[in-house]
């Protein structure tokens, strides 16, 4: 998960430096690899430690990979925006599943 965060930070820098350009090769791989590494790390920890379902995270991982492939025809900022939209949708879906917290008092 930590490697994913670091690689995603590098991808952020690439997008900030070249928002209107199409990324190629290693730059494009970096854009997809950061979130994919993070999601796969979280899948492994959820399975091993918490024994929680991971279908949504696996689906999000696949969608991020597809979005990164779109980077061959889209500018870096558009591609990164799609990746972020997938991650936001995952976070929203998972937050709806949380049980309500007990009232403190």
PDB file of N, CA and C in Angstrom:
ATOM      1  N   UNK A   1       0.827  -1.185   0.000  1.00  0.00           N
ATOM      2  CA  UNK A   1       0.000   0.000   0.000  1.00  0.00           C
ATOM      3  C   UNK A   1       0.874   1.253   0.000  1.00  0.00           C
ATOM      4  N   UNK A   2       1.958   1.206   0.750  1.00  0.00           N
ATOM      5  CA  UNK A   2       2.852   2.360   0.812  1.00  0.00           C
ATOM      6  C   UNK A   2       3.488   2.619  -0.546  1.00  0.00           C
ATOM      7  N   UNK A   3       3.880   1.559  -1.240  1.00  0.00           N
ATOM      8  CA  UNK A   3       4.446   1.727  -2.582  1.00  0.00           C
ATOM      9  C   UNK A   3       3.424   2.376  -3.506  1.00  0.00           C
ATOM     10  N   UNK A   4       2.168   1.989  -3.385  1.00  0.00           N
ATOM     11  CA  UNK A   4       1.117   2.591  -4.192  1.00  0.00           C
ATOM     12  C   UNK A   4       0.975   4.081  -3.937  1.00  0.00           C
ATOM     13  N   UNK A   5       1.069   4.474  -2.675  1.00  0.00           N
ATOM     14  CA  UNK A   5       0.974   5.889  -2.325  1.00  0.00           C
ATOM     15  C   UNK A   5       2.139   6.665  -2.928  1.00  0.00           C
ATOM     16  N   UNK A   6       3.330   6.104  -2.850  1.00  0.00           N
ATOM     17  CA  UNK A   6       4.520   6.771  -3.398  1.00  0.00           C
ATOM     18  C   UNK A   6       4.425   6.886  -4.912  1.00  0.00           C
ATOM     19  N   UNK A   7       4.040   5.809  -5.574  1.00  0.00           N
ATOM     20  CA  UNK A   7       3.931   5.836  -7.032  1.00  0.00           C
ATOM     21  C   UNK A   7       2.820   6.791  -7.459  1.00  0.00           C
ATOM     22  N   UNK A   8       1.715   6.848  -6.713  1.00  0.00           N
ATOM     23  CA  UNK A   8       0.637   7.791  -7.022  1.00  0.00           C
ATOM     24  C   UNK A   8       1.118   9.237  -6.867  1.00  0.00           C
ATOM     25  N   UNK A   9       1.976   9.492  -5.890  1.00  0.00           N
ATOM     26  CA  UNK A   9       2.529  10.843  -5.722  1.00  0.00           C
ATOM     27  C   UNK A   9       3.388  11.226  -6.930  1.00  0.00           C
ATOM     28  N   UNK A  10       4.145  10.283  -7.445  1.00  0.00           N
ATOM     29  CA  UNK A  10       4.937  10.532  -8.654  1.00  0.00           C
ATOM     30  C   UNK A  10       4.002  10.812  -9.829  1.00  0.00           C
ATOM     31  N   UNK A  11       2.908  10.045  -9.931  1.00  0.00           N
ATOM     32  CA  UNK A  11       1.930  10.271 -11.001  1.00  0.00           C
ATOM     33  C   UNK A  11       1.322  11.667 -10.886  1.00  0.00           C
ATOM     34  N   UNK A  12       1.038  12.102  -9.662  1.00  0.00           N
ATOM     35  CA  UNK A  12       0.524  13.462  -9.460  1.00  0.00           C
ATOM     36  C   UNK A  12       1.477  14.493 -10.037  1.00  0.00           C
ATOM     37  N   UNK A  13       2.753  14.322  -9.754  1.00  0.00           N
ATOM     38  CA  UNK A  13       3.772  15.253 -10.261  1.00  0.00           C
ATOM     39  C   UNK A  13       3.807  15.256 -11.781  1.00  0.00           C
ATOM     40  N   UNK A  14       3.694  14.078 -12.394  1.00  0.00           N
ATOM     41  CA  UNK A  14       3.681  13.987 -13.852  1.00  0.00           C
ATOM     42  C   UNK A  14       2.481  14.712 -14.444  1.00  0.00           C
ATOM     43  N   UNK A  15       1.323  14.529 -13.835  1.00  0.00           N
ATOM     44  CA  UNK A  15       0.107  15.176 -14.331  1.00  0.00           C
ATOM     45  C   UNK A  15       0.198  16.685 -14.143  1.00  0.00           C
ATOM     46  N   UNK A  16       0.717  17.127 -13.015  1.00  0.00           N
ATOM     47  CA  UNK A  16       0.869  18.567 -12.770  1.00  0.00           C
ATOM     48  C   UNK A  16       1.845  19.178 -13.771  1.00  0.00           C
ATOM     49  N   UNK A  17       2.917  18.466 -14.089  1.00  0.00           N
ATOM     50  CA  UNK A  17       3.931  18.984 -15.012  1.00  0.00           C
ATOM     51  C   UNK A  17       3.466  18.973 -16.472  1.00  0.00           C
ATOM     52  N   UNK A  18       2.595  18.016 -16.834  1.00  0.00           N
ATOM     53  CA  UNK A  18       2.195  17.852 -18.234  1.00  0.00           C
ATOM     54  C   UNK A  18       0.692  17.582 -18.360  1.00  0.00           C
ATOM     55  N   UNK A  19      -0.170  18.483 -17.885  1.00  0.00           N
ATOM     56  CA  UNK A  19      -1.599  18.179 -17.843  1.00  0.00           C
ATOM     57  C   UNK A  19      -2.245  17.968 -19.211  1.00  0.00           C
ATOM     58  N   UNK A  20      -1.801  18.660 -20.221  1.00  0.00           N
ATOM     59  CA  UNK A  20      -2.430  18.568 -21.530  1.00  0.00           C
ATOM     60  C   UNK A  20      -1.791  17.574 -22.471  1.00  0.00           C
ATOM     61  N   UNK A  21      -0.727  16.934 -22.031  1.00  0.00           N
ATOM     62  CA  UNK A  21      -0.004  15.995 -22.899  1.00  0.00           C
ATOM     63  C   UNK A  21      -0.468  14.570 -22.664  1.00  0.00           C
ATOM     64  N   UNK A  22      -0.330  13.751 -23.697  1.00  0.00           N
ATOM     65  CA  UNK A  22      -0.571  12.314 -23.547  1.00  0.00           C
ATOM     66  C   UNK A  22       0.702  11.701 -22.980  1.00  0.00           C
ATOM     67  N   UNK A  23       0.551  10.959 -21.895  1.00  0.00           N
ATOM     68  CA  UNK A  23       1.717  10.303 -21.300  1.00  0.00           C
ATOM     69  C   UNK A  23       2.019   9.028 -22.061  1.00  0.00           C
ATOM     70  N   UNK A  24       3.269   8.643 -22.072  1.00  0.00           N
ATOM     71  CA  UNK A  24       3.675   7.439 -22.780  1.00  0.00           C
ATOM     72  C   UNK A  24       4.541   6.559 -21.884  1.00  0.00           C
ATOM     73  N   UNK A  25       4.579   5.301 -22.212  1.00  0.00           N
ATOM     74  CA  UNK A  25       5.490   4.351 -21.575  1.00  0.00           C
ATOM     75  C   UNK A  25       5.440   4.335 -20.068  1.00  0.00           C
ATOM     76  N   UNK A  26       6.614   4.589 -19.481  1.00  0.00           N
ATOM     77  CA  UNK A  26       6.752   4.515 -18.025  1.00  0.00           C
ATOM     78  C   UNK A  26       5.881   5.544 -17.313  1.00  0.00           C
ATOM     79  N   UNK A  27       5.707   6.718 -17.917  1.00  0.00           N
ATOM     80  CA  UNK A  27       4.866   7.735 -17.288  1.00  0.00           C
ATOM     81  C   UNK A  27       3.416   7.258 -17.193  1.00  0.00           C
ATOM     82  N   UNK A  28       2.936   6.671 -18.268  1.00  0.00           N
ATOM     83  CA  UNK A  28       1.563   6.160 -18.275  1.00  0.00           C
ATOM     84  C   UNK A  28       1.408   4.975 -17.318  1.00  0.00           C
ATOM     85  N   UNK A  29       2.413   4.124 -17.275  1.00  0.00           N
ATOM     86  CA  UNK A  29       2.382   2.988 -16.342  1.00  0.00           C
ATOM     87  C   UNK A  29       2.356   3.488 -14.898  1.00  0.00           C
ATOM     88  N   UNK A  30       3.077   4.548 -14.620  1.00  0.00           N
ATOM     89  CA  UNK A  30       3.096   5.126 -13.278  1.00  0.00           C
ATOM     90  C   UNK A  30       1.713   5.634 -12.886  1.00  0.00           C
ATOM     91  N   UNK A  31       1.033   6.256 -13.835  1.00  0.00           N
ATOM     92  CA  UNK A  31      -0.287   6.803 -13.559  1.00  0.00           C
ATOM     93  C   UNK A  31      -1.262   5.711 -13.121  1.00  0.00           C
ATOM     94  N   UNK A  32      -1.193   4.559 -13.729  1.00  0.00           N
ATOM     95  CA  UNK A  32      -2.076   3.464 -13.349  1.00  0.00           C
ATOM     96  C   UNK A  32      -1.559   2.636 -12.194  1.00  0.00           C
ATOM     97  N   UNK A  33      -0.237   2.500 -12.117  1.00  0.00           N
ATOM     98  CA  UNK A  33       0.352   1.584 -11.136  1.00  0.00           C
ATOM     99  C   UNK A  33       0.170   2.041  -9.698  1.00  0.00           C
ATOM    100  N   UNK A  34       0.212   3.328  -9.429  1.00  0.00           N
ATOM    101  CA  UNK A  34       0.068   3.804  -8.051  1.00  0.00           C
ATOM    102  C   UNK A  34      -1.246   3.370  -7.424  1.00  0.00           C
ATOM    103  N   UNK A  35      -2.382   3.747  -8.035  1.00  0.00           N
ATOM    104  CA  UNK A  35      -3.658   3.318  -7.468  1.00  0.00           C
ATOM    105  C   UNK A  35      -3.846   1.805  -7.483  1.00  0.00           C
ATOM    106  N   UNK A  36      -3.356   1.135  -8.524  1.00  0.00           N
ATOM    107  CA  UNK A  36      -3.501  -0.324  -8.591  1.00  0.00           C
ATOM    108  C   UNK A  36      -2.722  -0.986  -7.455  1.00  0.00           C
ATOM    109  N   UNK A  37      -1.491  -0.551  -7.219  1.00  0.00           N
ATOM    110  CA  UNK A  37      -0.700  -1.115  -6.116  1.00  0.00           C
ATOM    111  C   UNK A  37      -1.393  -0.888  -4.777  1.00  0.00           C
ATOM    112  N   UNK A  38      -1.903   0.321  -4.582  1.00  0.00           N
ATOM    113  CA  UNK A  38      -2.595   0.619  -3.328  1.00  0.00           C
ATOM    114  C   UNK A  38      -3.827  -0.273  -3.161  1.00  0.00           C
ATOM    115  N   UNK A  39      -4.638  -0.362  -4.206  1.00  0.00           N
ATOM    116  CA  UNK A  39      -5.854  -1.170  -4.111  1.00  0.00           C
ATOM    117  C   UNK A  39      -5.541  -2.643  -3.886  1.00  0.00           C
ATOM    118  N   UNK A  40      -4.550  -3.170  -4.573  1.00  0.00           N
ATOM    119  CA  UNK A  40      -4.191  -4.573  -4.376  1.00  0.00           C
ATOM    120  C   UNK A  40      -3.645  -4.816  -2.969  1.00  0.00           C
ATOM    121  N   UNK A  41      -2.890  -3.864  -2.440  1.00  0.00           N
ATOM    122  CA  UNK A  41      -2.419  -3.974  -1.059  1.00  0.00           C
ATOM    123  C   UNK A  41      -3.568  -3.957  -0.069  1.00  0.00           C
ATOM    124  N   UNK A  42      -4.556  -3.102  -0.335  1.00  0.00           N
ATOM    125  CA  UNK A  42      -5.708  -3.049   0.570  1.00  0.00           C
ATOM    126  C   UNK A  42      -6.556  -4.307   0.450  1.00  0.00           C
ATOM    127  N   UNK A  43      -6.643  -4.868  -0.752  1.00  0.00           N
ATOM    128  CA  UNK A  43      -7.358  -6.136  -0.934  1.00  0.00           C
ATOM    129  C   UNK A  43      -6.693  -7.230  -0.121  1.00  0.00           C
ATOM    130  N   UNK A  44      -5.365  -7.308  -0.211  1.00  0.00           N
ATOM    131  CA  UNK A  44      -4.624  -8.338   0.534  1.00  0.00           C
ATOM    132  C   UNK A  44      -4.838  -8.185   2.031  1.00  0.00           C
ATOM    133  N   UNK A  45      -4.788  -6.954   2.535  1.00  0.00           N
ATOM    134  CA  UNK A  45      -4.953  -6.769   3.980  1.00  0.00           C
ATOM    135  C   UNK A  45      -6.392  -7.047   4.416  1.00  0.00           C
ATOM    136  N   UNK A  46      -7.370  -6.635   3.616  1.00  0.00           N
ATOM    137  CA  UNK A  46      -8.767  -6.901   3.976  1.00  0.00           C
ATOM    138  C   UNK A  46      -9.044  -8.403   4.000  1.00  0.00           C
ATOM    139  N   UNK A  47      -8.464  -9.124   3.043  1.00  0.00           N
ATOM    140  CA  UNK A  47      -8.683 -10.568   3.010  1.00  0.00           C
ATOM    141  C   UNK A  47      -7.988 -11.267   4.182  1.00  0.00           C
ATOM    142  N   UNK A  48      -6.735 -10.908   4.404  1.00  0.00           N
ATOM    143  CA  UNK A  48      -5.932 -11.627   5.391  1.00  0.00           C
ATOM    144  C   UNK A  48      -6.294 -11.270   6.827  1.00  0.00           C
ATOM    145  N   UNK A  49      -6.464  -9.996   7.087  1.00  0.00           N
ATOM    146  CA  UNK A  49      -6.647  -9.550   8.466  1.00  0.00           C
ATOM    147  C   UNK A  49      -8.127  -9.435   8.847  1.00  0.00           C
ATOM    148  N   UNK A  50      -8.900  -8.802   8.007  1.00  0.00           N
ATOM    149  CA  UNK A  50     -10.272  -8.492   8.374  1.00  0.00           C
ATOM    150  C   UNK A  50     -11.295  -9.474   7.823  1.00  0.00           C
ATOM    151  N   UNK A  51     -10.899 -10.281   6.857  1.00  0.00           N
ATOM    152  CA  UNK A  51     -11.797 -11.250   6.223  1.00  0.00           C
ATOM    153  C   UNK A  51     -13.053 -10.573   5.681  1.00  0.00           C
ATOM    154  N   UNK A  52     -12.852  -9.434   5.028  1.00  0.00           N
ATOM    155  CA  UNK A  52     -13.964  -8.673   4.465  1.00  0.00           C
ATOM    156  C   UNK A  52     -14.070  -8.912   2.963  1.00  0.00           C
ATOM    157  N   UNK A  53     -15.252  -8.720   2.376  1.00  0.00           N
ATOM    158  CA  UNK A  53     -15.392  -8.870   0.928  1.00  0.00           C
ATOM    159  C   UNK A  53     -14.597  -7.795   0.186  1.00  0.00           C
ATOM    160  N   UNK A  54     -14.067  -8.164  -0.961  1.00  0.00           N
ATOM    161  CA  UNK A  54     -13.193  -7.248  -1.694  1.00  0.00           C
ATOM    162  C   UNK A  54     -13.615  -7.072  -3.149  1.00  0.00           C
ATOM    163  N   UNK A  55     -14.793  -7.523  -3.504  1.00  0.00           N
ATOM    164  CA  UNK A  55     -15.222  -7.447  -4.914  1.00  0.00           C
ATOM    165  C   UNK A  55     -15.185  -6.035  -5.455  1.00  0.00           C
ATOM    166  N   UNK A  56     -15.641  -5.080  -4.691  1.00  0.00           N
ATOM    167  CA  UNK A  56     -15.649  -3.691  -5.166  1.00  0.00           C
ATOM    168  C   UNK A  56     -14.231  -3.194  -5.422  1.00  0.00           C
ATOM    169  N   UNK A  57     -13.331  -3.529  -4.522  1.00  0.00           N
ATOM    170  CA  UNK A  57     -11.945  -3.075  -4.701  1.00  0.00           C
ATOM    171  C   UNK A  57     -11.296  -3.745  -5.902  1.00  0.00           C
ATOM    172  N   UNK A  58     -11.609  -5.007  -6.127  1.00  0.00           N
ATOM    173  CA  UNK A  58     -11.077  -5.676  -7.312  1.00  0.00           C
ATOM    174  C   UNK A  58     -11.663  -5.066  -8.579  1.00  0.00           C
ATOM    175  N   UNK A  59     -12.945  -4.745  -8.556  1.00  0.00           N
ATOM    176  CA  UNK A  59     -13.573  -4.090  -9.709  1.00  0.00           C
ATOM    177  C   UNK A  59     -12.954  -2.712  -9.945  1.00  0.00           C
ATOM    178  N   UNK A  60     -12.717  -1.970  -8.867  1.00  0.00           N
ATOM    179  CA  UNK A  60     -12.088  -0.654  -8.993  1.00  0.00           C
ATOM    180  C   UNK A  60     -10.667  -0.784  -9.545  1.00  0.00           C
ATOM    181  N   UNK A  61      -9.955  -1.816  -9.132  1.00  0.00           N
ATOM    182  CA  UNK A  61      -8.608  -2.052  -9.648  1.00  0.00           C
ATOM    183  C   UNK A  61      -8.651  -2.258 -11.156  1.00  0.00           C
ATOM    184  N   UNK A  62      -9.586  -3.058 -11.614  1.00  0.00           N
ATOM    185  CA  UNK A  62      -9.722  -3.294 -13.054  1.00  0.00           C
ATOM    186  C   UNK A  62     -10.099  -2.004 -13.789  1.00  0.00           C
ATOM    187  N   UNK A  63     -11.006  -1.230 -13.220  1.00  0.00           N
ATOM    188  CA  UNK A  63     -11.404   0.032 -13.856  1.00  0.00           C
ATOM    189  C   UNK A  63     -10.257   1.030 -13.914  1.00  0.00           C
ATOM    190  N   UNK A  64      -9.439   1.078 -12.877  1.00  0.00           N
ATOM    191  CA  UNK A  64      -8.273   1.967 -12.885  1.00  0.00           C
ATOM    192  C   UNK A  64      -7.298   1.541 -13.982  1.00  0.00           C
ATOM    193  N   UNK A  65      -7.100   0.243 -14.130  1.00  0.00           N
ATOM    194  CA  UNK A  65      -6.204  -0.254 -15.180  1.00  0.00           C
ATOM    195  C   UNK A  65      -6.724   0.130 -16.561  1.00  0.00           C
ATOM    196  N   UNK A  66      -8.031  -0.006 -16.769  1.00  0.00           N
ATOM    197  CA  UNK A  66      -8.632   0.378 -18.057  1.00  0.00           C
ATOM    198  C   UNK A  66      -8.497   1.885 -18.267  1.00  0.00           C
ATOM    199  N   UNK A  67      -8.742   2.656 -17.217  1.00  0.00           N
ATOM    200  CA  UNK A  67      -8.619   4.110 -17.314  1.00  0.00           C
ATOM    201  C   UNK A  67      -7.189   4.508 -17.684  1.00  0.00           C
ATOM    202  N   UNK A  68      -6.220   3.818 -17.108  1.00  0.00           N
ATOM    203  CA  UNK A  68      -4.823   4.121 -17.437  1.00  0.00           C
ATOM    204  C   UNK A  68      -4.548   3.840 -18.915  1.00  0.00           C
ATOM    205  N   UNK A  69      -5.160   2.807 -19.450  1.00  0.00           N
ATOM    206  CA  UNK A  69      -4.993   2.510 -20.876  1.00  0.00           C
ATOM    207  C   UNK A  69      -5.584   3.615 -21.751  1.00  0.00           C
ATOM    208  N   UNK A  70      -6.616   4.285 -21.256  1.00  0.00           N
ATOM    209  CA  UNK A  70      -7.196   5.409 -21.996  1.00  0.00           C
ATOM    210  C   UNK A  70      -6.188   6.555 -22.137  1.00  0.00           C
ATOM    211  N   UNK A  71      -5.169   6.542 -21.302  1.00  0.00           N
ATOM    212  CA  UNK A  71      -4.135   7.565 -21.364  1.00  0.00           C
ATOM    213  C   UNK A  71      -3.373   7.581 -22.675  1.00  0.00           C
ATOM    214  N   UNK A  72      -3.508   6.537 -23.471  1.00  0.00           N
ATOM    215  CA  UNK A  72      -2.858   6.539 -24.784  1.00  0.00           C
ATOM    216  C   UNK A  72      -3.565   7.476 -25.753  1.00  0.00           C
ATOM    217  N   UNK A  73      -4.826   7.814 -25.468  1.00  0.00           N
ATOM    218  CA  UNK A  73      -5.579   8.701 -26.360  1.00  0.00           C
ATOM    219  C   UNK A  73      -6.075   9.967 -25.662  1.00  0.00           C
ATOM    220  N   UNK A  74      -5.978  10.024 -24.353  1.00  0.00           N
ATOM    221  CA  UNK A  74      -6.442  11.190 -23.598  1.00  0.00           C
ATOM    222  C   UNK A  74      -5.264  11.926 -22.969  1.00  0.00           C
ATOM    223  N   UNK A  75      -5.418  13.227 -22.723  1.00  0.00           N
ATOM    224  CA  UNK A  75      -4.384  13.962 -21.997  1.00  0.00           C
ATOM    225  C   UNK A  75      -4.245  13.448 -20.558  1.00  0.00           C
ATOM    226  N   UNK A  76      -3.117  13.728 -19.969  1.00  0.00           N
ATOM    227  CA  UNK A  76      -2.806  13.238 -18.627  1.00  0.00           C
ATOM    228  C   UNK A  76      -3.864  13.653 -17.606  1.00  0.00           C
ATOM    229  N   UNK A  77      -4.299  14.894 -17.647  1.00  0.00           N
ATOM    230  CA  UNK A  77      -5.271  15.373 -16.657  1.00  0.00           C
ATOM    231  C   UNK A  77      -6.611  14.663 -16.801  1.00  0.00           C
ATOM    232  N   UNK A  78      -7.043  14.419 -18.016  1.00  0.00           N
ATOM    233  CA  UNK A  78      -8.308  13.702 -18.232  1.00  0.00           C
ATOM    234  C   UNK A  78      -8.194  12.267 -17.729  1.00  0.00           C
ATOM    235  N   UNK A  79      -7.077  11.634 -18.012  1.00  0.00           N
ATOM    236  CA  UNK A  79      -6.869  10.249 -17.570  1.00  0.00           C
ATOM    237  C   UNK A  79      -6.849  10.177 -16.049  1.00  0.00           C
ATOM    238  N   UNK A  80      -6.103  11.058 -15.423  1.00  0.00           N
ATOM    239  CA  UNK A  80      -6.004  11.075 -13.961  1.00  0.00           C
ATOM    240  C   UNK A  80      -7.364  11.382 -13.339  1.00  0.00           C
ATOM    241  N   UNK A  81      -8.162  12.229 -13.991  1.00  0.00           N
ATOM    242  CA  UNK A  81      -9.501  12.547 -13.487  1.00  0.00           C
ATOM    243  C   UNK A  81     -10.401  11.316 -13.511  1.00  0.00           C
ATOM    244  N   UNK A  82     -10.279  10.499 -14.540  1.00  0.00           N
ATOM    245  CA  UNK A  82     -11.062   9.265 -14.607  1.00  0.00           C
ATOM    246  C   UNK A  82     -10.646   8.312 -13.495  1.00  0.00           C
ATOM    247  N   UNK A  83      -9.335   8.188 -13.283  1.00  0.00           N
ATOM    248  CA  UNK A  83      -8.830   7.331 -12.203  1.00  0.00           C
ATOM    249  C   UNK A  83      -9.372   7.823 -10.863  1.00  0.00           C
ATOM    250  N   UNK A  84      -9.315   9.114 -10.639  1.00  0.00           N
ATOM    251  CA  UNK A  84      -9.816   9.668  -9.379  1.00  0.00           C
ATOM    252  C   UNK A  84     -11.320   9.465  -9.234  1.00  0.00           C
ATOM    253  N   UNK A  85     -12.067   9.558 -10.328  1.00  0.00           N
ATOM    254  CA  UNK A  85     -13.512   9.326 -10.276  1.00  0.00           C
ATOM    255  C   UNK A  85     -13.819   7.887  -9.849  1.00  0.00           C
ATOM    256  N   UNK A  86     -13.024   6.949 -10.331  1.00  0.00           N
ATOM    257  CA  UNK A  86     -13.204   5.545  -9.926  1.00  0.00           C
ATOM    258  C   UNK A  86     -12.953   5.402  -8.428  1.00  0.00           C
ATOM    259  N   UNK A  87     -11.893   6.032  -7.942  1.00  0.00           N
ATOM    260  CA  UNK A  87     -11.560   5.931  -6.518  1.00  0.00           C
ATOM    261  C   UNK A  87     -12.603   6.608  -5.639  1.00  0.00           C
ATOM    262  N   UNK A  88     -13.127   7.739  -6.087  1.00  0.00           N
ATOM    263  CA  UNK A  88     -14.184   8.431  -5.331  1.00  0.00           C
ATOM    264  C   UNK A  88     -15.448   7.575  -5.294  1.00  0.00           C
ATOM    265  N   UNK A  89     -15.787   6.963  -6.427  1.00  0.00           N
ATOM    266  CA  UNK A  89     -16.968   6.093  -6.464  1.00  0.00           C
ATOM    267  C   UNK A  89     -16.794   4.904  -5.524  1.00  0.00           C
ATOM    268  N   UNK A  90     -15.601   4.341  -5.471  1.00  0.00           N
ATOM    269  CA  UNK A  90     -15.327   3.239  -4.546  1.00  0.00           C
ATOM    270  C   UNK A  90     -15.492   3.704  -3.101  1.00  0.00           C
ATOM    271  N   UNK A  91     -14.922   4.847  -2.776  1.00  0.00           N
ATOM    272  CA  UNK A  91     -15.025   5.365  -1.409  1.00  0.00           C
ATOM    273  C   UNK A  91     -16.478   5.628  -1.033  1.00  0.00           C
ATOM    274  N   UNK A  92     -17.253   6.181  -1.953  1.00  0.00           N
ATOM    275  CA  UNK A  92     -18.662   6.456  -1.676  1.00  0.00           C
ATOM    276  C   UNK A  92     -19.437   5.158  -1.461  1.00  0.00           C
ATOM    277  N   UNK A  93     -19.174   4.170  -2.309  1.00  0.00           N
ATOM    278  CA  UNK A  93     -19.875   2.881  -2.182  1.00  0.00           C
ATOM    279  C   UNK A  93     -19.526   2.198  -0.868  1.00  0.00           C
ATOM    280  N   UNK A  94     -18.253   2.236  -0.494  1.00  0.00           N
ATOM    281  CA  UNK A  94     -17.850   1.579   0.753  1.00  0.00           C
ATOM    282  C   UNK A  94     -18.332   2.337   1.981  1.00  0.00           C
ATOM    283  N   UNK A  95     -18.457   3.646   1.891  1.00  0.00           N
ATOM    284  CA  UNK A  95     -18.910   4.405   3.063  1.00  0.00           C
ATOM    285  C   UNK A  95     -20.392   4.165   3.337  1.00  0.00           C
ATOM    286  N   UNK A  96     -21.163   3.839   2.311  1.00  0.00           N
ATOM    287  CA  UNK A  96     -22.585   3.538   2.510  1.00  0.00           C
ATOM    288  C   UNK A  96     -22.767   2.228   3.263  1.00  0.00           C
ATOM    289  N   UNK A  97     -21.804   1.333   3.181  1.00  0.00           N
ATOM    290  CA  UNK A  97     -21.924   0.011   3.809  1.00  0.00           C
ATOM    291  C   UNK A  97     -21.532  -0.005   5.274  1.00  0.00           C
ATOM    292  N   UNK A  98     -20.963   1.061   5.764  1.00  0.00           N
ATOM    293  CA  UNK A  98     -20.533   1.078   7.160  1.00  0.00           C
ATOM    294  C   UNK A  98     -21.731   1.103   8.088  1.00  0.00           C
ATOM    295  N   UNK A  99     -21.676   0.314   9.150  1.00  0.00           N
ATOM    296  CA  UNK A  99     -22.778   0.378  10.122  1.00  0.00           C
ATOM    297  C   UNK A  99     -22.730   1.717  10.855  1.00  0.00           C
ATOM    298  N   UNK A 100     -23.881   2.219  11.287  1.00  0.00           N
ATOM    299  CA  UNK A 100     -23.881   3.485  12.009  1.00  0.00           C
ATOM    300  C   UNK A 100     -23.135   3.361  13.330  1.00  0.00           C
ATOM    301  N   UNK A 101     -22.483   4.437  13.705  1.00  0.00           N
ATOM    302  CA  UNK A 101     -21.761   4.456  14.989  1.00  0.00           C
ATOM    303  C   UNK A 101     -22.769   4.612  16.124  1.00  0.00           C
ATOM    304  N   UNK A 102     -22.486   3.943  17.236  1.00  0.00           N
ATOM    305  CA  UNK A 102     -23.387   4.127  18.399  1.00  0.00           C
ATOM    306  C   UNK A 102     -23.287   5.562  18.920  1.00  0.00           C
ATOM    307  N   UNK A 103     -24.388   6.029  19.425  1.00  0.00           N
ATOM    308  CA  UNK A 103     -24.410   7.388  19.977  1.00  0.00           C
ATOM    309  C   UNK A 103     -23.565   7.437  21.242  1.00  0.00           C
ATOM    310  N   UNK A 104     -22.753   8.474  21.325  1.00  0.00           N
ATOM    311  CA  UNK A 104     -21.953   8.634  22.532  1.00  0.00           C
ATOM    312  C   UNK A 104     -22.682   9.588  23.463  1.00  0.00           C
ATOM    313  N   UNK A 105     -22.500   9.362  24.688  1.00  0.00           N
ATOM    314  CA  UNK A 105     -23.227  10.261  25.565  1.00  0.00           C
ATOM    315  C   UNK A 105     -23.008  10.055  26.961  1.00  0.00           C
TER     316      UNK A 105
END
